[in-house]
């Protein structure tokens, strides 16, 4: 079996600027949540149909995006992604990361193994690049919980890397203390960045972990006007007004500001979308250089007084 360290290097290559003009300074991973369900605060299009989803996957692939992020909990996402990759004839080349359903009992070895096998089948993957815990609370009982089934999958070569999707800094630190965890997916963006997260990312790099950053657009909130956000999250108004002022100061759109800020963390960005046009926009924006350290510090300092924990944690937002 290929070593974990070799696989981690390969993953960096898979999302780095590469063939067919994936280019730019920003490394992208296609987030497939929206391909399986309606997802995100700014989602006006709903879930794309199968043909649209396959067009998104196809454009991503020919544009140089070779890594894909999905989950058992994302509706029909695994099925749609698997069929899309098979239709392109690239199932064996794509780098696919999925997450175990949080509804599973992590102590049920057989159930965890069966769920993993189902994901491999749906995704058409002989070997998953990554299998992540979707519920970071499972880390607290790692040894007596999901580890036996996942360790066996690792040893059998059907999974290359194990990891976890976190929400909180304490969970990220716990992941760094768990030797088997090689991949960490974290929600980081221009509104949630702080020195503690920067320290965690530095520790991850020092220990040879791979970090994926999701929620670059904060589930679409950073793309809305204050008026658009008013119905669902009216308290976001002052922060959104400041955010748009900063974008004007940097002579860019709020979307470009969000992507270029997140690119400054130096890790691949998981970007989800509902249409080919949105993918084209993200691919174009990925050509831009990250913000400079001074620009990032200015943006973070300007936003900090207006940011609350509720604003940056979608779990606390009122239901749609």
Protein backbone atom coordinates (compact mmCIF):
# COMPACT_ATOMS: atom_id res chain seq x y z
CA UNK A 1 0.00 0.00 0.00
CA UNK A 2 1.23 3.50 -0.77
CA UNK A 3 2.32 5.34 2.33
CA UNK A 4 0.21 8.10 3.84
CA UNK A 5 2.95 10.65 3.30
CA UNK A 6 3.13 9.78 -0.40
CA UNK A 7 -0.63 10.08 -0.71
CA UNK A 8 -0.59 13.47 0.98
CA UNK A 9 1.94 14.74 -1.54
CA UNK A 10 -0.23 13.39 -4.32
CA UNK A 11 -3.25 15.20 -2.98
CA UNK A 12 -1.38 18.48 -2.96
CA UNK A 13 -0.49 17.83 -6.61
CA UNK A 14 -4.10 17.02 -7.45
CA UNK A 15 -5.40 20.38 -6.33
CA UNK A 16 -2.41 22.47 -7.31
CA UNK A 17 -2.39 24.60 -10.45
CA UNK A 18 -1.95 22.06 -13.18
CA UNK A 19 -3.12 20.76 -16.50
CA UNK A 20 -5.51 22.44 -18.89
CA UNK A 21 -5.25 25.78 -17.17
CA UNK A 22 -6.46 25.04 -13.65
CA UNK A 23 -3.83 27.64 -13.05
CA UNK A 24 -3.86 30.68 -10.90
CA UNK A 25 -2.60 31.06 -7.39
CA UNK A 26 -5.60 29.35 -5.80
CA UNK A 27 -5.97 25.58 -5.47
CA UNK A 28 -9.58 24.45 -5.77
CA UNK A 29 -11.43 21.30 -4.75
CA UNK A 30 -14.95 20.88 -6.12
CA UNK A 31 -17.40 20.63 -3.23
CA UNK A 32 -20.21 18.32 -4.32
CA UNK A 33 -22.80 19.05 -1.62
CA UNK A 34 -24.91 21.17 -3.97
CA UNK A 35 -24.91 18.36 -6.54
CA UNK A 36 -26.94 16.23 -4.15
CA UNK A 37 -29.19 18.70 -2.38
CA UNK A 38 -30.15 22.38 -2.10
CA UNK A 39 -27.41 23.86 0.07
CA UNK A 40 -26.25 27.30 1.16
CA UNK A 41 -27.76 30.61 2.22
CA UNK A 42 -27.26 32.19 -1.21
CA UNK A 43 -28.53 29.19 -3.18
CA UNK A 44 -31.23 30.54 -5.51
CA UNK A 45 -31.05 27.79 -8.11
CA UNK A 46 -31.64 24.74 -5.94
CA UNK A 47 -30.08 21.40 -6.74
CA UNK A 48 -28.89 21.10 -10.37
CA UNK A 49 -30.38 18.28 -12.41
CA UNK A 50 -28.20 15.33 -13.44
CA UNK A 51 -27.19 16.82 -16.79
CA UNK A 52 -26.20 20.11 -15.17
CA UNK A 53 -24.29 18.31 -12.43
CA UNK A 54 -22.37 16.26 -14.98
CA UNK A 55 -21.57 19.45 -16.91
CA UNK A 56 -20.16 20.98 -13.71
CA UNK A 57 -18.04 17.90 -12.99
CA UNK A 58 -16.84 17.77 -16.60
CA UNK A 59 -15.85 21.43 -16.73
CA UNK A 60 -14.05 21.14 -13.40
CA UNK A 61 -12.10 18.15 -14.65
CA UNK A 62 -11.02 19.59 -18.01
CA UNK A 63 -10.09 22.82 -16.20
CA UNK A 64 -7.61 20.95 -14.03
CA UNK A 65 -9.64 20.37 -10.86
CA UNK A 66 -9.00 16.73 -9.96
CA UNK A 67 -10.09 16.60 -6.30
CA UNK A 68 -13.73 16.28 -5.20
CA UNK A 69 -15.32 16.54 -1.76
CA UNK A 70 -18.59 14.82 -0.88
CA UNK A 71 -20.34 13.08 2.02
CA UNK A 72 -22.83 10.34 2.78
CA UNK A 73 -25.00 13.02 4.40
CA UNK A 74 -25.23 15.17 1.23
CA UNK A 75 -28.39 13.70 -0.25
CA UNK A 76 -27.67 12.21 -3.69
CA UNK A 77 -24.20 13.75 -3.91
CA UNK A 78 -22.17 10.53 -3.93
CA UNK A 79 -24.39 8.94 -6.58
CA UNK A 80 -24.32 11.99 -8.85
CA UNK A 81 -20.58 12.51 -8.47
CA UNK A 82 -19.87 8.83 -9.06
CA UNK A 83 -21.95 8.75 -12.24
CA UNK A 84 -20.40 11.99 -13.46
CA UNK A 85 -16.85 10.72 -13.01
CA UNK A 86 -17.74 7.40 -14.66
CA UNK A 87 -19.28 9.20 -17.62
CA UNK A 88 -16.01 11.08 -18.08
CA UNK A 89 -14.05 7.84 -17.76
CA UNK A 90 -11.92 9.26 -14.94
CA UNK A 91 -13.15 7.35 -11.89
CA UNK A 92 -9.71 5.82 -11.44
CA UNK A 93 -7.92 9.16 -11.71
CA UNK A 94 -10.12 11.45 -9.61
CA UNK A 95 -9.14 12.19 -6.01
CA UNK A 96 -12.32 11.71 -3.99
CA UNK A 97 -12.86 12.47 -0.32
CA UNK A 98 -16.10 11.50 1.41
CA UNK A 99 -17.39 11.69 4.98
CA UNK A 100 -19.14 9.11 7.13
CA UNK A 101 -22.77 9.88 7.95
CA UNK A 102 -23.06 11.41 11.45
CA UNK A 103 -26.13 9.22 12.03
CA UNK A 104 -23.94 6.10 12.16
CA UNK A 105 -23.03 4.52 15.49
CA UNK A 106 -19.23 4.84 15.46
CA UNK A 107 -18.96 1.82 17.77
CA UNK A 108 -20.76 -0.40 15.26
CA UNK A 109 -17.80 -1.78 13.34
CA UNK A 110 -19.94 -3.59 10.77
CA UNK A 111 -22.12 -0.54 10.09
CA UNK A 112 -19.11 1.73 9.58
CA UNK A 113 -17.50 -0.78 7.21
CA UNK A 114 -20.75 -1.25 5.27
CA UNK A 115 -21.25 2.52 4.93
CA UNK A 116 -17.71 2.92 3.64
CA UNK A 117 -18.18 0.14 1.09
CA UNK A 118 -21.43 1.70 -0.11
CA UNK A 119 -19.64 5.02 -0.65
CA UNK A 120 -16.89 3.34 -2.64
CA UNK A 121 -19.47 1.61 -4.81
CA UNK A 122 -21.54 4.75 -5.43
CA UNK A 123 -18.44 6.81 -6.18
CA UNK A 124 -16.87 4.14 -8.37
CA UNK A 125 -13.67 4.24 -6.33
CA UNK A 126 -11.48 1.21 -5.75
CA UNK A 127 -9.58 3.36 -3.30
CA UNK A 128 -10.95 6.51 -1.71
CA UNK A 129 -8.38 9.23 -1.34
CA UNK A 130 -9.87 10.24 1.97
CA UNK A 131 -12.53 9.11 4.42
CA UNK A 132 -13.42 11.75 7.00
CA UNK A 133 -15.52 11.74 10.13
CA UNK A 134 -18.42 14.13 9.55
CA UNK A 135 -19.04 14.29 13.30
CA UNK A 136 -15.88 15.48 15.03
CA UNK A 137 -17.29 14.35 18.40
CA UNK A 138 -16.32 10.81 17.36
CA UNK A 139 -12.69 11.76 17.98
CA UNK A 140 -13.32 11.70 21.73
CA UNK A 141 -13.80 7.93 21.55
CA UNK A 142 -11.59 7.23 18.56
CA UNK A 143 -9.94 4.04 19.83
CA UNK A 144 -13.18 2.36 20.87
CA UNK A 145 -15.27 3.96 18.15
CA UNK A 146 -14.56 4.25 14.42
CA UNK A 147 -10.85 3.41 14.50
CA UNK A 148 -11.01 -0.41 14.10
CA UNK A 149 -13.12 -0.31 10.92
CA UNK A 150 -11.22 2.62 9.45
CA UNK A 151 -7.83 1.19 10.33
CA UNK A 152 -8.80 -2.03 8.57
CA UNK A 153 -9.86 -0.07 5.47
CA UNK A 154 -6.53 1.73 5.55
CA UNK A 155 -4.59 -1.52 5.90
CA UNK A 156 -6.57 -3.14 3.07
CA UNK A 157 -5.80 -0.21 0.80
CA UNK A 158 -9.40 0.80 0.09
CA UNK A 159 -8.81 4.17 1.78
CA UNK A 160 -5.61 6.19 1.44
CA UNK A 161 -6.08 8.71 4.25
CA UNK A 162 -8.29 9.18 7.30
CA UNK A 163 -9.49 12.54 8.53
CA UNK A 164 -12.17 14.66 10.13
CA UNK A 165 -14.38 17.62 9.30
CA UNK A 166 -14.33 20.11 12.17
CA UNK A 167 -16.24 23.22 13.13
CA UNK A 168 -14.32 24.38 16.18
CA UNK A 169 -10.70 25.09 17.04
CA UNK A 170 -10.74 22.62 19.93
CA UNK A 171 -11.81 19.89 17.50
CA UNK A 172 -9.00 20.81 15.13
CA UNK A 173 -6.48 20.58 17.97
CA UNK A 174 -7.91 17.21 18.98
CA UNK A 175 -7.51 16.04 15.38
CA UNK A 176 -3.86 17.07 15.45
CA UNK A 177 -3.40 14.93 18.56
CA UNK A 178 -4.88 11.85 16.83
CA UNK A 179 -2.05 10.11 14.94
CA UNK A 180 -4.29 8.36 12.39
CA UNK A 181 -5.90 11.64 11.31
CA UNK A 182 -4.04 12.93 8.26
CA UNK A 183 -6.71 15.17 6.72
CA UNK A 184 -8.58 18.02 8.41
CA UNK A 185 -11.39 20.01 6.81
CA UNK A 186 -12.02 23.32 8.57
CA UNK A 187 -14.43 26.24 8.06
CA UNK A 188 -12.21 29.25 7.49
CA UNK A 189 -12.88 32.51 5.73
CA UNK A 190 -12.23 36.22 6.00
CA UNK A 191 -14.77 36.60 8.80
CA UNK A 192 -13.69 33.66 10.95
CA UNK A 193 -9.91 34.02 10.65
CA UNK A 194 -8.03 34.73 13.86
CA UNK A 195 -4.53 34.12 15.32
CA UNK A 196 -5.55 30.84 16.96
CA UNK A 197 -6.67 29.38 13.64
CA UNK A 198 -3.40 30.56 12.10
CA UNK A 199 -1.50 28.69 14.86
CA UNK A 200 -3.53 25.52 14.20
CA UNK A 201 -2.78 25.70 10.47
CA UNK A 202 0.91 26.13 11.22
CA UNK A 203 0.87 23.08 13.51
CA UNK A 204 -0.91 21.07 10.83
CA UNK A 205 1.76 21.97 8.30
CA UNK A 206 4.57 21.15 10.72
CA UNK A 207 3.08 17.73 11.47
CA UNK A 208 2.55 16.82 7.81
CA UNK A 209 -1.25 17.01 7.85
CA UNK A 210 -3.34 18.13 4.89
CA UNK A 211 -5.94 20.82 5.53
CA UNK A 212 -8.90 21.66 3.28
CA UNK A 213 -10.68 24.94 3.88
CA UNK A 214 -14.43 25.01 3.35
CA UNK A 215 -16.98 27.79 3.90
CA UNK A 216 -14.83 30.23 1.94
CA UNK A 217 -18.00 32.22 1.18
CA UNK A 218 -19.60 31.35 4.55
CA UNK A 219 -22.32 29.32 2.80
CA UNK A 220 -22.92 32.26 0.48
CA UNK A 221 -23.40 34.94 3.15
CA UNK A 222 -20.33 36.87 2.01
CA UNK A 223 -21.86 37.17 -1.47
CA UNK A 224 -25.16 38.73 -0.34
CA UNK A 225 -26.12 42.36 0.00
CA UNK A 226 -27.41 43.48 3.42
CA UNK A 227 -30.88 43.64 1.91
CA UNK A 228 -30.67 40.07 0.60
CA UNK A 229 -29.54 38.79 3.99
CA UNK A 230 -32.20 40.71 5.92
CA UNK A 231 -34.91 38.05 5.71
CA UNK A 232 -32.77 35.27 7.14
CA UNK A 233 -29.95 36.96 9.05
CA UNK A 234 -30.68 40.67 9.54
CA UNK A 235 -27.87 41.12 12.09
CA UNK A 236 -25.39 40.51 9.26
CA UNK A 237 -26.21 43.91 7.75
CA UNK A 238 -23.44 46.03 9.34
CA UNK A 239 -20.79 43.40 8.63
CA UNK A 240 -21.91 43.02 5.01
CA UNK A 241 -21.82 46.78 4.49
CA UNK A 242 -18.25 46.93 5.84
CA UNK A 243 -17.33 43.89 3.74
CA UNK A 244 -18.54 45.51 0.54
CA UNK A 245 -16.68 48.72 1.43
CA UNK A 246 -13.48 46.70 1.75
CA UNK A 247 -14.08 45.07 -1.63
CA UNK A 248 -14.43 48.51 -3.21
CA UNK A 249 -11.23 49.63 -1.45
CA UNK A 250 -9.40 46.69 -3.05
CA UNK A 251 -11.16 47.28 -6.39
CA UNK A 252 -12.68 43.81 -6.53
CA UNK A 253 -15.99 42.05 -5.98
CA UNK A 254 -16.99 40.61 -2.58
CA UNK A 255 -16.60 37.15 -4.11
CA UNK A 256 -13.07 37.85 -5.30
CA UNK A 257 -12.19 39.34 -1.92
CA UNK A 258 -13.41 36.21 -0.14
CA UNK A 259 -11.51 33.83 -2.41
CA UNK A 260 -8.27 35.81 -2.41
CA UNK A 261 -8.38 36.21 1.38
CA UNK A 262 -8.90 32.47 1.91
CA UNK A 263 -6.15 31.66 -0.60
CA UNK A 264 -3.75 33.46 1.71
CA UNK A 265 -4.04 30.61 4.21
CA UNK A 266 -2.03 28.51 1.77
CA UNK A 267 -4.30 25.45 1.71
CA UNK A 268 -6.69 24.06 -0.94
CA UNK A 269 -10.17 25.59 -0.94
CA UNK A 270 -13.35 23.52 -1.14
CA UNK A 271 -15.78 25.49 -3.29
CA UNK A 272 -19.35 24.36 -3.88
CA UNK A 273 -21.66 25.69 -6.57
CA UNK A 274 -24.94 25.07 -8.37
CA UNK A 275 -24.17 25.95 -11.98
CA UNK A 276 -21.57 25.85 -14.72
CA UNK A 277 -21.54 29.64 -14.74
CA UNK A 278 -20.66 29.75 -11.04
CA UNK A 279 -17.83 27.30 -11.69
CA UNK A 280 -16.53 29.47 -14.51
CA UNK A 281 -16.57 32.47 -12.16
CA UNK A 282 -14.60 30.60 -9.51
CA UNK A 283 -12.08 29.28 -12.03
CA UNK A 284 -11.55 32.82 -13.32
CA UNK A 285 -11.15 34.22 -9.80
CA UNK A 286 -8.66 31.46 -9.00
CA UNK A 287 -6.27 33.10 -11.45
CA UNK A 288 -5.83 36.06 -9.09
CA UNK A 289 -3.06 36.20 -6.53
CA UNK A 290 -3.94 35.88 -2.83
CA UNK A 291 -4.17 39.08 -0.83
CA UNK A 292 -0.86 40.27 0.54
CA UNK A 293 -0.25 39.78 4.28
CA UNK A 294 -0.79 43.51 4.84
CA UNK A 295 -4.08 43.45 2.93
CA UNK A 296 -5.27 40.42 4.89
CA UNK A 297 -4.39 42.07 8.20
CA UNK A 298 -6.25 45.23 7.18
CA UNK A 299 -9.37 43.30 6.14
CA UNK A 300 -9.37 41.15 9.28
CA UNK A 301 -8.91 44.17 11.57
CA UNK A 302 -11.69 46.10 9.82
CA UNK A 303 -14.14 43.20 10.09
CA UNK A 304 -13.34 42.05 13.63
CA UNK A 305 -15.53 44.56 15.57
CA UNK A 306 -18.61 43.50 13.58
CA UNK A 307 -18.20 39.71 13.74
CA UNK A 308 -20.03 37.56 16.28
CA UNK A 309 -19.85 33.81 16.84
CA UNK A 310 -23.43 33.50 15.61
CA UNK A 311 -22.57 35.17 12.30
CA UNK A 312 -19.73 32.79 11.48
CA UNK A 313 -21.43 29.56 12.61
CA UNK A 314 -24.21 28.45 10.22
CA UNK A 315 -25.40 25.95 12.84
CA UNK A 316 -26.70 28.95 14.81
CA UNK A 317 -28.58 30.55 11.95
CA UNK A 318 -32.38 30.38 11.95
CA UNK A 319 -33.81 27.64 9.77
CA UNK A 320 -34.84 28.60 6.27
